[in-house]
Amino acid sequence: MRRKPKAPPAPLPQRAGIDPVRLRLPDDGRWATVRDHLVERLPALGAPRIDAMLAGGGIVGTDGPLAPDAPFAPGGYLWFYRPLATEVPVPFAVEVLYQDETVLVVDKPHFLSTTPRGRHVTETALVRLRRDLRLPTLSPAHRLDRLTAGVVMFVVRPEHRGAYQSLFQERQVRKEYEAIAPYVPGLGLPARVRNRIVKERGVIAAREVPGPPNSDSRIALIEHRDGLGRYRLVPVTGRTHQLRLHMSGLGIPILGDPVYPVVTDPPPDDFGRPLQLLARTLEFTDPVTGEHRRFVSRRTLGAWADHPAWSAGPGPAGG
């Protein structure tokens, strides 16, 4: 199997914690110039903006800024700063739980994406932490859904990135979540939920389909009162929206979920009634130091602490 060539280092620095976009040109093609290729490849930018970026030296190759008529170079690399749309500020802080020379562990609030994706770029935990802590090489060891709060781990140095990311890919990390959902007497918990989940690109909700299971969750009731339950969720696998879909499938959808069982799609500035799902703990053997590590969120779920206040709308960052 032919390996892809290693990308050269970016000739452009980060801006406020955001890396420049890197593109690799196809190994073949009919384009006479880089400009022709970019106009076809990046229709969202549009020809006028691409022309302006080239004219201003804003698109850079390994040898410097590209001229507007730079010939197409098969397999070449180029970089540029993406035009950033105005984002609604997420009014909750990222709390640092632990930091050393290898890892940074934080307590992420609800509504803040872990890493840049789609319309969320500047308002992400990674960008905030790179900028505020002056850690330009910081990278995620894993990801936590934007609507879920709790413990997230980042890697400080590039040479350790693979070791920590492999922990999650190989399921060597014990994760425990907490959720608030309706209490249903006689549901038969604890339970193990295993099914096949499909998440299609561009579709908000994942769905269960027939076939061999690719998702596995353990769900238990911790306590209940006033028609609500506090649940412990332990994912064995890590499919997108797995815990949310499994809870909904049991007939106890997590409070504040805008997708399961019904997609409601609230506006981006609606920070009321956050999803009552919290990544409570991460536990593993450190691949660099060999130490046993256990990190615990300090956050509480608002619907359990004060359900009337949570139901009424926006509350404290704890959710």
C-alpha atoms as a PDB file:
ATOM      1  CA  MET A   1       0.000   0.000   0.000  1.00  0.00           C
ATOM      2  CA  ARG A   2       1.442   3.337  -1.062  1.00  0.00           C
ATOM      3  CA  ARG A   3       1.792   5.787   1.828  1.00  0.00           C
ATOM      4  CA  LYS A   4       0.836   9.421   1.467  1.00  0.00           C
ATOM      5  CA  PRO A   5       3.789  11.806   1.537  1.00  0.00           C
ATOM      6  CA  LYS A   6       4.251  13.627   4.813  1.00  0.00           C
ATOM      7  CA  ALA A   7       2.983  17.192   4.688  1.00  0.00           C
ATOM      8  CA  PRO A   8       5.619  19.906   5.113  1.00  0.00           C
ATOM      9  CA  PRO A   9       5.330  22.280   8.092  1.00  0.00           C
ATOM     10  CA  ALA A  10       2.984  25.206   7.639  1.00  0.00           C
ATOM     11  CA  PRO A  11       4.745  28.396   6.501  1.00  0.00           C
ATOM     12  CA  LEU A  12       1.976  30.461   8.147  1.00  0.00           C
ATOM     13  CA  PRO A  13       1.642  30.787  11.949  1.00  0.00           C
ATOM     14  CA  GLN A  14      -1.512  30.319  13.939  1.00  0.00           C
ATOM     15  CA  ARG A  15      -3.836  33.273  14.310  1.00  0.00           C
ATOM     16  CA  ALA A  16      -5.464  33.535  17.746  1.00  0.00           C
ATOM     17  CA  GLY A  17      -5.172  29.783  18.212  1.00  0.00           C
ATOM     18  CA  ILE A  18      -6.457  28.873  14.740  1.00  0.00           C
ATOM     19  CA  ASP A  19      -4.282  26.982  12.278  1.00  0.00           C
ATOM     20  CA  PRO A  20      -4.183  28.014   8.627  1.00  0.00           C
ATOM     21  CA  VAL A  21      -6.054  25.777   6.220  1.00  0.00           C
ATOM     22  CA  ARG A  22      -3.803  23.262   4.476  1.00  0.00           C
ATOM     23  CA  LEU A  23      -4.711  21.828   1.080  1.00  0.00           C
ATOM     24  CA  ARG A  24      -2.929  19.208  -0.954  1.00  0.00           C
ATOM     25  CA  LEU A  25      -3.383  19.536  -4.690  1.00  0.00           C
ATOM     26  CA  PRO A  26      -4.436  16.386  -6.604  1.00  0.00           C
ATOM     27  CA  ASP A  27      -1.728  14.297  -8.233  1.00  0.00           C
ATOM     28  CA  ASP A  28      -3.264  14.945 -11.629  1.00  0.00           C
ATOM     29  CA  GLY A  29      -5.860  17.208 -13.160  1.00  0.00           C
ATOM     30  CA  ARG A  30      -6.817  19.385 -16.082  1.00  0.00           C
ATOM     31  CA  TRP A  31      -6.319  22.745 -14.365  1.00  0.00           C
ATOM     32  CA  ALA A  32      -3.841  25.153 -15.880  1.00  0.00           C
ATOM     33  CA  THR A  33      -3.414  27.229 -12.711  1.00  0.00           C
ATOM     34  CA  VAL A  34      -3.814  26.826  -8.968  1.00  0.00           C
ATOM     35  CA  ARG A  35      -6.484  29.499  -9.166  1.00  0.00           C
ATOM     36  CA  ASP A  36      -8.581  27.430 -11.573  1.00  0.00           C
ATOM     37  CA  HIS A  37      -8.412  24.444  -9.248  1.00  0.00           C
ATOM     38  CA  LEU A  38      -9.336  26.447  -6.143  1.00  0.00           C
ATOM     39  CA  VAL A  39     -12.328  28.072  -7.826  1.00  0.00           C
ATOM     40  CA  GLU A  40     -13.662  24.628  -8.651  1.00  0.00           C
ATOM     41  CA  ARG A  41     -12.703  23.034  -5.332  1.00  0.00           C
ATOM     42  CA  LEU A  42     -13.848  25.819  -3.005  1.00  0.00           C
ATOM     43  CA  PRO A  43     -17.142  27.135  -4.394  1.00  0.00           C
ATOM     44  CA  ALA A  44     -18.125  28.467  -0.969  1.00  0.00           C
ATOM     45  CA  LEU A  45     -15.234  30.943  -1.133  1.00  0.00           C
ATOM     46  CA  GLY A  46     -16.070  32.041  -4.660  1.00  0.00           C
ATOM     47  CA  ALA A  47     -13.850  33.272  -7.478  1.00  0.00           C
ATOM     48  CA  PRO A  48     -13.743  36.964  -6.409  1.00  0.00           C
ATOM     49  CA  ARG A  49     -12.483  36.122  -2.927  1.00  0.00           C
ATOM     50  CA  ILE A  50      -9.935  33.610  -4.212  1.00  0.00           C
ATOM     51  CA  ASP A  51      -8.678  36.213  -6.720  1.00  0.00           C
ATOM     52  CA  ALA A  52      -8.356  38.779  -3.940  1.00  0.00           C
ATOM     53  CA  MET A  53      -6.462  36.345  -1.706  1.00  0.00           C
ATOM     54  CA  LEU A  54      -4.027  35.492  -4.496  1.00  0.00           C
ATOM     55  CA  ALA A  55      -3.532  39.135  -5.406  1.00  0.00           C
ATOM     56  CA  GLY A  56      -2.801  39.986  -1.763  1.00  0.00           C
ATOM     57  CA  GLY A  57      -0.356  37.135  -1.210  1.00  0.00           C
ATOM     58  CA  GLY A  58      -2.837  35.361   1.064  1.00  0.00           C
ATOM     59  CA  ILE A  59      -2.391  31.885  -0.446  1.00  0.00           C
ATOM     60  CA  VAL A  60       1.049  30.466   0.304  1.00  0.00           C
ATOM     61  CA  GLY A  61       2.959  27.465  -1.024  1.00  0.00           C
ATOM     62  CA  THR A  62       6.148  25.890   0.267  1.00  0.00           C
ATOM     63  CA  ASP A  63       8.189  28.561  -1.547  1.00  0.00           C
ATOM     64  CA  GLY A  64       6.114  31.564  -0.517  1.00  0.00           C
ATOM     65  CA  PRO A  65       2.997  33.417  -1.704  1.00  0.00           C
ATOM     66  CA  LEU A  66       1.446  32.139  -4.923  1.00  0.00           C
ATOM     67  CA  ALA A  67       0.986  34.504  -7.841  1.00  0.00           C
ATOM     68  CA  PRO A  68      -2.495  34.839  -9.379  1.00  0.00           C
ATOM     69  CA  ASP A  69      -1.271  32.895 -12.427  1.00  0.00           C
ATOM     70  CA  ALA A  70       0.757  30.267 -10.529  1.00  0.00           C
ATOM     71  CA  PRO A  71       0.690  27.033 -12.552  1.00  0.00           C
ATOM     72  CA  PHE A  72      -1.075  24.004 -11.148  1.00  0.00           C
ATOM     73  CA  ALA A  73       1.488  21.797  -9.367  1.00  0.00           C
ATOM     74  CA  PRO A  74       0.295  18.191  -8.934  1.00  0.00           C
ATOM     75  CA  GLY A  75       0.695  16.983  -5.346  1.00  0.00           C
ATOM     76  CA  GLY A  76       1.736  20.412  -4.088  1.00  0.00           C
ATOM     77  CA  TYR A  77       0.682  21.940  -0.775  1.00  0.00           C
ATOM     78  CA  LEU A  78      -0.750  25.350  -0.070  1.00  0.00           C
ATOM     79  CA  TRP A  79      -1.999  27.210   2.996  1.00  0.00           C
ATOM     80  CA  PHE A  80      -4.279  30.147   3.690  1.00  0.00           C
ATOM     81  CA  TYR A  81      -6.313  31.655   6.518  1.00  0.00           C
ATOM     82  CA  ARG A  82      -9.974  30.749   6.272  1.00  0.00           C
ATOM     83  CA  PRO A  83     -12.419  33.658   6.254  1.00  0.00           C
ATOM     84  CA  LEU A  84     -14.181  33.415   9.600  1.00  0.00           C
ATOM     85  CA  ALA A  85     -17.863  34.073  10.071  1.00  0.00           C
ATOM     86  CA  THR A  86     -19.087  35.900  13.153  1.00  0.00           C
ATOM     87  CA  GLU A  87     -19.919  33.362  15.863  1.00  0.00           C
ATOM     88  CA  VAL A  88     -22.233  33.694  18.837  1.00  0.00           C
ATOM     89  CA  PRO A  89     -19.986  33.760  21.937  1.00  0.00           C
ATOM     90  CA  VAL A  90     -20.557  30.829  24.307  1.00  0.00           C
ATOM     91  CA  PRO A  91     -20.889  32.618  27.676  1.00  0.00           C
ATOM     92  CA  PHE A  92     -19.392  29.829  29.799  1.00  0.00           C
ATOM     93  CA  ALA A  93     -15.793  29.248  30.837  1.00  0.00           C
ATOM     94  CA  VAL A  94     -13.520  26.251  30.283  1.00  0.00           C
ATOM     95  CA  GLU A  95     -12.127  25.178  33.668  1.00  0.00           C
ATOM     96  CA  VAL A  96      -8.659  23.630  33.859  1.00  0.00           C
ATOM     97  CA  LEU A  97      -8.669  20.486  36.019  1.00  0.00           C
ATOM     98  CA  TYR A  98      -5.045  19.425  35.506  1.00  0.00           C
ATOM     99  CA  GLN A  99      -1.994  20.472  33.504  1.00  0.00           C
ATOM    100  CA  ASP A 100       1.538  19.145  33.144  1.00  0.00           C
ATOM    101  CA  GLU A 101       4.129  18.867  30.377  1.00  0.00           C
ATOM    102  CA  THR A 102       2.216  16.174  28.498  1.00  0.00           C
ATOM    103  CA  VAL A 103      -1.527  16.657  29.032  1.00  0.00           C
ATOM    104  CA  LEU A 104      -4.104  19.320  29.758  1.00  0.00           C
ATOM    105  CA  VAL A 105      -7.427  18.173  31.218  1.00  0.00           C
ATOM    106  CA  VAL A 106     -10.383  20.550  31.312  1.00  0.00           C
ATOM    107  CA  ASP A 107     -14.015  20.710  32.365  1.00  0.00           C
ATOM    108  CA  LYS A 108     -15.818  21.763  29.196  1.00  0.00           C
ATOM    109  CA  PRO A 109     -19.127  23.630  29.481  1.00  0.00           C
ATOM    110  CA  HIS A 110     -22.251  22.797  27.534  1.00  0.00           C
ATOM    111  CA  PHE A 111     -22.607  24.415  24.070  1.00  0.00           C
ATOM    112  CA  LEU A 112     -18.856  24.730  23.407  1.00  0.00           C
ATOM    113  CA  SER A 113     -17.377  22.519  20.682  1.00  0.00           C
ATOM    114  CA  THR A 114     -14.188  20.660  21.520  1.00  0.00           C
ATOM    115  CA  THR A 115     -12.466  21.461  18.193  1.00  0.00           C
ATOM    116  CA  PRO A 116     -13.207  23.608  15.132  1.00  0.00           C
ATOM    117  CA  ARG A 117     -15.841  22.059  12.918  1.00  0.00           C
ATOM    118  CA  GLY A 118     -18.488  23.489  10.615  1.00  0.00           C
ATOM    119  CA  ARG A 119     -19.763  26.836  11.833  1.00  0.00           C
ATOM    120  CA  HIS A 120     -17.941  26.538  15.180  1.00  0.00           C
ATOM    121  CA  VAL A 121     -14.310  27.654  14.853  1.00  0.00           C
ATOM    122  CA  THR A 122     -13.334  30.457  17.211  1.00  0.00           C
ATOM    123  CA  GLU A 123     -15.887  29.388  19.831  1.00  0.00           C
ATOM    124  CA  THR A 124     -14.244  26.046  20.597  1.00  0.00           C
ATOM    125  CA  ALA A 125     -12.340  24.707  23.583  1.00  0.00           C
ATOM    126  CA  LEU A 126      -9.191  23.998  21.553  1.00  0.00           C
ATOM    127  CA  VAL A 127      -8.925  27.523  20.145  1.00  0.00           C
ATOM    128  CA  ARG A 128      -9.651  29.161  23.496  1.00  0.00           C
ATOM    129  CA  LEU A 129      -7.033  27.054  25.277  1.00  0.00           C
ATOM    130  CA  ARG A 130      -4.351  27.530  22.625  1.00  0.00           C
ATOM    131  CA  ARG A 131      -4.875  31.263  22.769  1.00  0.00           C
ATOM    132  CA  ASP A 132      -5.413  31.833  26.489  1.00  0.00           C
ATOM    133  CA  LEU A 133      -2.747  29.405  27.757  1.00  0.00           C
ATOM    134  CA  ARG A 134      -0.307  30.102  24.912  1.00  0.00           C
ATOM    135  CA  LEU A 135      -0.085  26.463  23.880  1.00  0.00           C
ATOM    136  CA  PRO A 136       0.079  26.586  20.062  1.00  0.00           C
ATOM    137  CA  THR A 137       0.777  22.854  19.619  1.00  0.00           C
ATOM    138  CA  LEU A 138      -2.142  21.743  21.814  1.00  0.00           C
ATOM    139  CA  SER A 139      -4.258  19.006  20.202  1.00  0.00           C
ATOM    140  CA  PRO A 140      -7.257  16.927  21.332  1.00  0.00           C
ATOM    141  CA  ALA A 141      -6.738  13.396  22.619  1.00  0.00           C
ATOM    142  CA  HIS A 142     -10.445  12.774  21.913  1.00  0.00           C
ATOM    143  CA  ARG A 143     -13.627  14.760  21.374  1.00  0.00           C
ATOM    144  CA  LEU A 144     -16.725  15.499  23.385  1.00  0.00           C
ATOM    145  CA  ASP A 145     -20.002  16.460  21.749  1.00  0.00           C
ATOM    146  CA  ARG A 146     -20.705  20.212  21.694  1.00  0.00           C
ATOM    147  CA  LEU A 147     -23.847  19.890  23.789  1.00  0.00           C
ATOM    148  CA  THR A 148     -22.236  17.613  26.386  1.00  0.00           C
ATOM    149  CA  ALA A 149     -20.293  19.084  29.311  1.00  0.00           C
ATOM    150  CA  GLY A 150     -17.481  17.519  31.271  1.00  0.00           C
ATOM    151  CA  VAL A 151     -13.963  16.115  31.200  1.00  0.00           C
ATOM    152  CA  VAL A 152     -11.916  16.485  28.000  1.00  0.00           C
ATOM    153  CA  MET A 153      -8.193  15.779  27.608  1.00  0.00           C
ATOM    154  CA  PHE A 154      -5.744  17.543  25.302  1.00  0.00           C
ATOM    155  CA  VAL A 155      -2.142  16.701  24.433  1.00  0.00           C
ATOM    156  CA  VAL A 156       0.461  19.417  24.954  1.00  0.00           C
ATOM    157  CA  ARG A 157       3.300  18.163  22.728  1.00  0.00           C
ATOM    158  CA  PRO A 158       3.017  16.793  19.181  1.00  0.00           C
ATOM    159  CA  GLU A 159       5.378  13.871  19.904  1.00  0.00           C
ATOM    160  CA  HIS A 160       2.912  12.500  22.496  1.00  0.00           C
ATOM    161  CA  ARG A 161      -0.228  12.944  20.404  1.00  0.00           C
ATOM    162  CA  GLY A 162      -0.289   9.445  18.939  1.00  0.00           C
ATOM    163  CA  ALA A 163       0.179   7.708  22.293  1.00  0.00           C
ATOM    164  CA  TYR A 164      -2.764   9.443  23.941  1.00  0.00           C
ATOM    165  CA  GLN A 165      -5.071   9.306  20.932  1.00  0.00           C
ATOM    166  CA  SER A 166      -4.388   5.562  20.680  1.00  0.00           C
ATOM    167  CA  LEU A 167      -5.709   5.108  24.212  1.00  0.00           C
ATOM    168  CA  PHE A 168      -9.136   6.234  23.055  1.00  0.00           C
ATOM    169  CA  GLN A 169      -9.017   4.493  19.697  1.00  0.00           C
ATOM    170  CA  GLU A 170      -8.133   1.198  21.369  1.00  0.00           C
ATOM    171  CA  ARG A 171     -10.737   1.638  24.155  1.00  0.00           C
ATOM    172  CA  GLN A 172      -8.190   1.698  26.948  1.00  0.00           C
ATOM    173  CA  VAL A 173      -9.905   4.607  28.695  1.00  0.00           C
ATOM    174  CA  ARG A 174     -12.778   4.080  31.097  1.00  0.00           C
ATOM    175  CA  LYS A 175     -15.368   6.804  30.626  1.00  0.00           C
ATOM    176  CA  GLU A 176     -18.303   7.405  32.908  1.00  0.00           C
ATOM    177  CA  TYR A 177     -21.129   9.820  32.194  1.00  0.00           C
ATOM    178  CA  GLU A 178     -24.017  11.135  34.227  1.00  0.00           C
ATOM    179  CA  ALA A 179     -27.432  12.044  32.825  1.00  0.00           C
ATOM    180  CA  ILE A 180     -30.766  13.348  34.046  1.00  0.00           C
ATOM    181  CA  ALA A 181     -33.841  11.844  32.406  1.00  0.00           C
ATOM    182  CA  PRO A 182     -37.390  10.796  33.323  1.00  0.00           C
ATOM    183  CA  TYR A 183     -37.752   8.044  35.879  1.00  0.00           C
ATOM    184  CA  VAL A 184     -39.754   5.051  34.654  1.00  0.00           C
ATOM    185  CA  PRO A 185     -40.582   2.496  37.369  1.00  0.00           C
ATOM    186  CA  GLY A 186     -39.958  -1.107  36.391  1.00  0.00           C
ATOM    187  CA  LEU A 187     -37.689  -0.263  33.462  1.00  0.00           C
ATOM    188  CA  GLY A 188     -35.277  -3.029  34.373  1.00  0.00           C
ATOM    189  CA  LEU A 189     -32.040  -1.238  35.065  1.00  0.00           C
ATOM    190  CA  PRO A 190     -29.109  -1.710  35.076  1.00  0.00           C
ATOM    191  CA  ALA A 191     -29.172  -2.638  31.401  1.00  0.00           C
ATOM    192  CA  ARG A 192     -26.758  -3.186  28.560  1.00  0.00           C
ATOM    193  CA  VAL A 193     -27.792  -1.694  25.220  1.00  0.00           C
ATOM    194  CA  ARG A 194     -26.151  -3.040  22.075  1.00  0.00           C
ATOM    195  CA  ASN A 195     -27.298  -2.186  18.555  1.00  0.00           C
ATOM    196  CA  ARG A 196     -26.139  -0.907  15.202  1.00  0.00           C
ATOM    197  CA  ILE A 197     -25.987   2.872  14.819  1.00  0.00           C
ATOM    198  CA  VAL A 198     -25.631   4.789  11.573  1.00  0.00           C
ATOM    199  CA  LYS A 199     -24.811   8.513  11.466  1.00  0.00           C
ATOM    200  CA  GLU A 200     -25.028   9.964   7.965  1.00  0.00           C
ATOM    201  CA  ARG A 201     -23.072  13.062   7.004  1.00  0.00           C
ATOM    202  CA  GLY A 202     -25.307  16.111   6.899  1.00  0.00           C
ATOM    203  CA  VAL A 203     -28.088  14.441   8.921  1.00  0.00           C
ATOM    204  CA  ILE A 204     -28.424  15.685  12.504  1.00  0.00           C
ATOM    205  CA  ALA A 205     -29.771  12.512  14.087  1.00  0.00           C
ATOM    206  CA  ALA A 206     -28.140   9.109  14.198  1.00  0.00           C
ATOM    207  CA  ARG A 207     -30.434   6.106  13.882  1.00  0.00           C
ATOM    208  CA  GLU A 208     -30.599   2.444  14.752  1.00  0.00           C
ATOM    209  CA  VAL A 209     -30.547   0.017  11.807  1.00  0.00           C
ATOM    210  CA  PRO A 210     -30.634  -3.779  11.515  1.00  0.00           C
ATOM    211  CA  GLY A 211     -27.291  -5.543  11.532  1.00  0.00           C
ATOM    212  CA  PRO A 212     -24.409  -6.568  13.773  1.00  0.00           C
ATOM    213  CA  PRO A 213     -24.045  -4.260  16.809  1.00  0.00           C
ATOM    214  CA  ASN A 214     -21.415  -1.517  16.586  1.00  0.00           C
ATOM    215  CA  SER A 215     -22.453   0.298  19.777  1.00  0.00           C
ATOM    216  CA  ASP A 216     -22.473  -0.843  23.388  1.00  0.00           C
ATOM    217  CA  SER A 217     -23.566   1.086  26.497  1.00  0.00           C
ATOM    218  CA  ARG A 218     -24.177   0.178  30.140  1.00  0.00           C
ATOM    219  CA  ILE A 219     -26.899   2.196  31.825  1.00  0.00           C
ATOM    220  CA  ALA A 220     -27.803   2.215  35.524  1.00  0.00           C
ATOM    221  CA  LEU A 221     -30.084   4.250  37.755  1.00  0.00           C
ATOM    222  CA  ILE A 222     -28.211   6.003  40.579  1.00  0.00           C
ATOM    223  CA  GLU A 223     -31.224   7.562  42.314  1.00  0.00           C
ATOM    224  CA  HIS A 224     -34.617   9.088  41.573  1.00  0.00           C
ATOM    225  CA  ARG A 225     -37.011  11.673  42.939  1.00  0.00           C
ATOM    226  CA  ASP A 226     -39.991  13.715  41.743  1.00  0.00           C
ATOM    227  CA  GLY A 227     -40.292  11.782  38.491  1.00  0.00           C
ATOM    228  CA  LEU A 228     -36.652  12.296  37.502  1.00  0.00           C
ATOM    229  CA  GLY A 229     -33.769   9.840  37.502  1.00  0.00           C
ATOM    230  CA  ARG A 230     -30.039  10.389  37.803  1.00  0.00           C
ATOM    231  CA  TYR A 231     -28.292   7.820  35.635  1.00  0.00           C
ATOM    232  CA  ARG A 232     -24.775   6.440  35.280  1.00  0.00           C
ATOM    233  CA  LEU A 233     -23.804   5.768  31.661  1.00  0.00           C
ATOM    234  CA  VAL A 234     -20.706   3.780  30.713  1.00  0.00           C
ATOM    235  CA  PRO A 235     -20.007   3.640  26.961  1.00  0.00           C
ATOM    236  CA  VAL A 236     -18.069   0.569  25.870  1.00  0.00           C
ATOM    237  CA  THR A 237     -17.883   1.925  22.320  1.00  0.00           C
ATOM    238  CA  GLY A 238     -17.872   5.523  21.127  1.00  0.00           C
ATOM    239  CA  ARG A 239     -20.341   6.037  18.297  1.00  0.00           C
ATOM    240  CA  THR A 240     -21.621   9.550  17.605  1.00  0.00           C
ATOM    241  CA  HIS A 241     -24.619  10.357  19.853  1.00  0.00           C
ATOM    242  CA  GLN A 242     -24.524   6.788  21.182  1.00  0.00           C
ATOM    243  CA  LEU A 243     -25.588   7.515  24.763  1.00  0.00           C
ATOM    244  CA  ARG A 244     -28.286   9.947  23.720  1.00  0.00           C
ATOM    245  CA  LEU A 245     -29.763   7.502  21.219  1.00  0.00           C
ATOM    246  CA  HIS A 246     -29.600   4.587  23.669  1.00  0.00           C
ATOM    247  CA  MET A 247     -31.320   6.556  26.425  1.00  0.00           C
ATOM    248  CA  SER A 248     -34.042   7.671  24.030  1.00  0.00           C
ATOM    249  CA  GLY A 249     -34.460   4.098  22.814  1.00  0.00           C
ATOM    250  CA  LEU A 250     -35.102   2.977  26.408  1.00  0.00           C
ATOM    251  CA  GLY A 251     -37.901   5.520  26.670  1.00  0.00           C
ATOM    252  CA  ILE A 252     -35.954   7.875  28.946  1.00  0.00           C
ATOM    253  CA  PRO A 253     -34.562  10.609  26.644  1.00  0.00           C
ATOM    254  CA  ILE A 254     -32.037  12.885  28.315  1.00  0.00           C
ATOM    255  CA  LEU A 255     -33.517  16.203  29.414  1.00  0.00           C
ATOM    256  CA  GLY A 256     -32.675  19.106  27.118  1.00  0.00           C
ATOM    257  CA  ASP A 257     -31.837  16.917  24.117  1.00  0.00           C
ATOM    258  CA  PRO A 258     -32.740  18.854  20.941  1.00  0.00           C
ATOM    259  CA  VAL A 259     -32.351  15.776  18.714  1.00  0.00           C
ATOM    260  CA  TYR A 260     -33.671  12.660  20.460  1.00  0.00           C
ATOM    261  CA  PRO A 261     -36.435  11.665  20.206  1.00  0.00           C
ATOM    262  CA  VAL A 262     -37.470  14.749  18.160  1.00  0.00           C
ATOM    263  CA  VAL A 263     -35.222  17.200  16.293  1.00  0.00           C
ATOM    264  CA  THR A 264     -36.038  20.757  17.395  1.00  0.00           C
ATOM    265  CA  ASP A 265     -32.924  22.642  16.106  1.00  0.00           C
ATOM    266  CA  PRO A 266     -32.786  25.594  18.560  1.00  0.00           C
ATOM    267  CA  PRO A 267     -31.074  28.818  17.414  1.00  0.00           C
ATOM    268  CA  PRO A 268     -27.320  29.148  18.117  1.00  0.00           C
ATOM    269  CA  ASP A 269     -27.868  31.854  20.767  1.00  0.00           C
ATOM    270  CA  ASP A 270     -30.257  29.711  22.828  1.00  0.00           C
ATOM    271  CA  PHE A 271     -28.279  28.671  25.919  1.00  0.00           C
ATOM    272  CA  GLY A 272     -31.299  27.765  28.018  1.00  0.00           C
ATOM    273  CA  ARG A 273     -31.959  24.236  29.277  1.00  0.00           C
ATOM    274  CA  PRO A 274     -28.654  22.583  28.299  1.00  0.00           C
ATOM    275  CA  LEU A 275     -28.508  18.883  27.542  1.00  0.00           C
ATOM    276  CA  GLN A 276     -28.367  17.074  30.877  1.00  0.00           C
ATOM    277  CA  LEU A 277     -25.411  14.900  29.976  1.00  0.00           C
ATOM    278  CA  LEU A 278     -22.049  15.186  31.726  1.00  0.00           C
ATOM    279  CA  ALA A 279     -18.768  13.375  31.046  1.00  0.00           C
ATOM    280  CA  ARG A 280     -18.085  12.716  34.721  1.00  0.00           C
ATOM    281  CA  THR A 281     -14.789  10.771  34.709  1.00  0.00           C
ATOM    282  CA  LEU A 282     -11.845   9.667  32.575  1.00  0.00           C
ATOM    283  CA  GLU A 283      -9.619   6.886  33.923  1.00  0.00           C
ATOM    284  CA  PHE A 284      -6.587   5.234  32.283  1.00  0.00           C
ATOM    285  CA  THR A 285      -2.957   4.236  32.581  1.00  0.00           C
ATOM    286  CA  ASP A 286      -0.801   7.025  31.233  1.00  0.00           C
ATOM    287  CA  PRO A 287       1.127   5.762  28.162  1.00  0.00           C
ATOM    288  CA  VAL A 288       4.008   8.184  28.746  1.00  0.00           C
ATOM    289  CA  THR A 289       4.498   8.090  32.537  1.00  0.00           C
ATOM    290  CA  GLY A 290       2.890   4.731  33.383  1.00  0.00           C
ATOM    291  CA  GLU A 291       0.841   6.404  36.136  1.00  0.00           C
ATOM    292  CA  HIS A 292      -2.785   5.637  36.907  1.00  0.00           C
ATOM    293  CA  ARG A 293      -4.822   8.714  36.014  1.00  0.00           C
ATOM    294  CA  ARG A 294      -8.360   9.595  37.041  1.00  0.00           C
ATOM    295  CA  PHE A 295      -9.994  12.934  36.334  1.00  0.00           C
ATOM    296  CA  VAL A 296     -13.426  13.952  37.642  1.00  0.00           C
ATOM    297  CA  SER A 297     -15.683  16.794  36.527  1.00  0.00           C
ATOM    298  CA  ARG A 298     -16.598  19.412  39.104  1.00  0.00           C
ATOM    299  CA  ARG A 299     -19.796  20.360  37.315  1.00  0.00           C
ATOM    300  CA  THR A 300     -23.335  19.582  38.371  1.00  0.00           C
ATOM    301  CA  LEU A 301     -26.379  19.028  36.204  1.00  0.00           C
ATOM    302  CA  GLY A 302     -28.895  21.809  36.722  1.00  0.00           C
ATOM    303  CA  ALA A 303     -32.038  19.761  36.213  1.00  0.00           C
ATOM    304  CA  TRP A 304     -31.142  17.637  39.240  1.00  0.00           C
ATOM    305  CA  ALA A 305     -29.806  20.427  41.454  1.00  0.00           C
ATOM    306  CA  ASP A 306     -32.777  22.746  40.780  1.00  0.00           C
ATOM    307  CA  HIS A 307     -35.229  21.474  38.191  1.00  0.00           C
ATOM    308  CA  PRO A 308     -37.583  24.515  38.272  1.00  0.00           C
ATOM    309  CA  ALA A 309     -34.662  26.885  37.656  1.00  0.00           C
ATOM    310  CA  TRP A 310     -33.301  24.696  34.837  1.00  0.00           C
ATOM    311  CA  SER A 311     -36.755  24.497  33.234  1.00  0.00           C
ATOM    312  CA  ALA A 312     -37.120  28.281  33.404  1.00  0.00           C
ATOM    313  CA  GLY A 313     -34.189  28.906  31.061  1.00  0.00           C
ATOM    314  CA  PRO A 314     -30.575  30.130  31.132  1.00  0.00           C
ATOM    315  CA  GLY A 315     -28.671  29.385  34.310  1.00  0.00           C
ATOM    316  CA  PRO A 316     -25.108  29.089  35.590  1.00  0.00           C
ATOM    317  CA  ALA A 317     -22.327  27.511  33.580  1.00  0.00           C
ATOM    318  CA  GLY A 318     -22.704  24.249  35.451  1.00  0.00           C
ATOM    319  CA  GLY A 319     -25.752  23.455  33.317  1.00  0.00           C
END
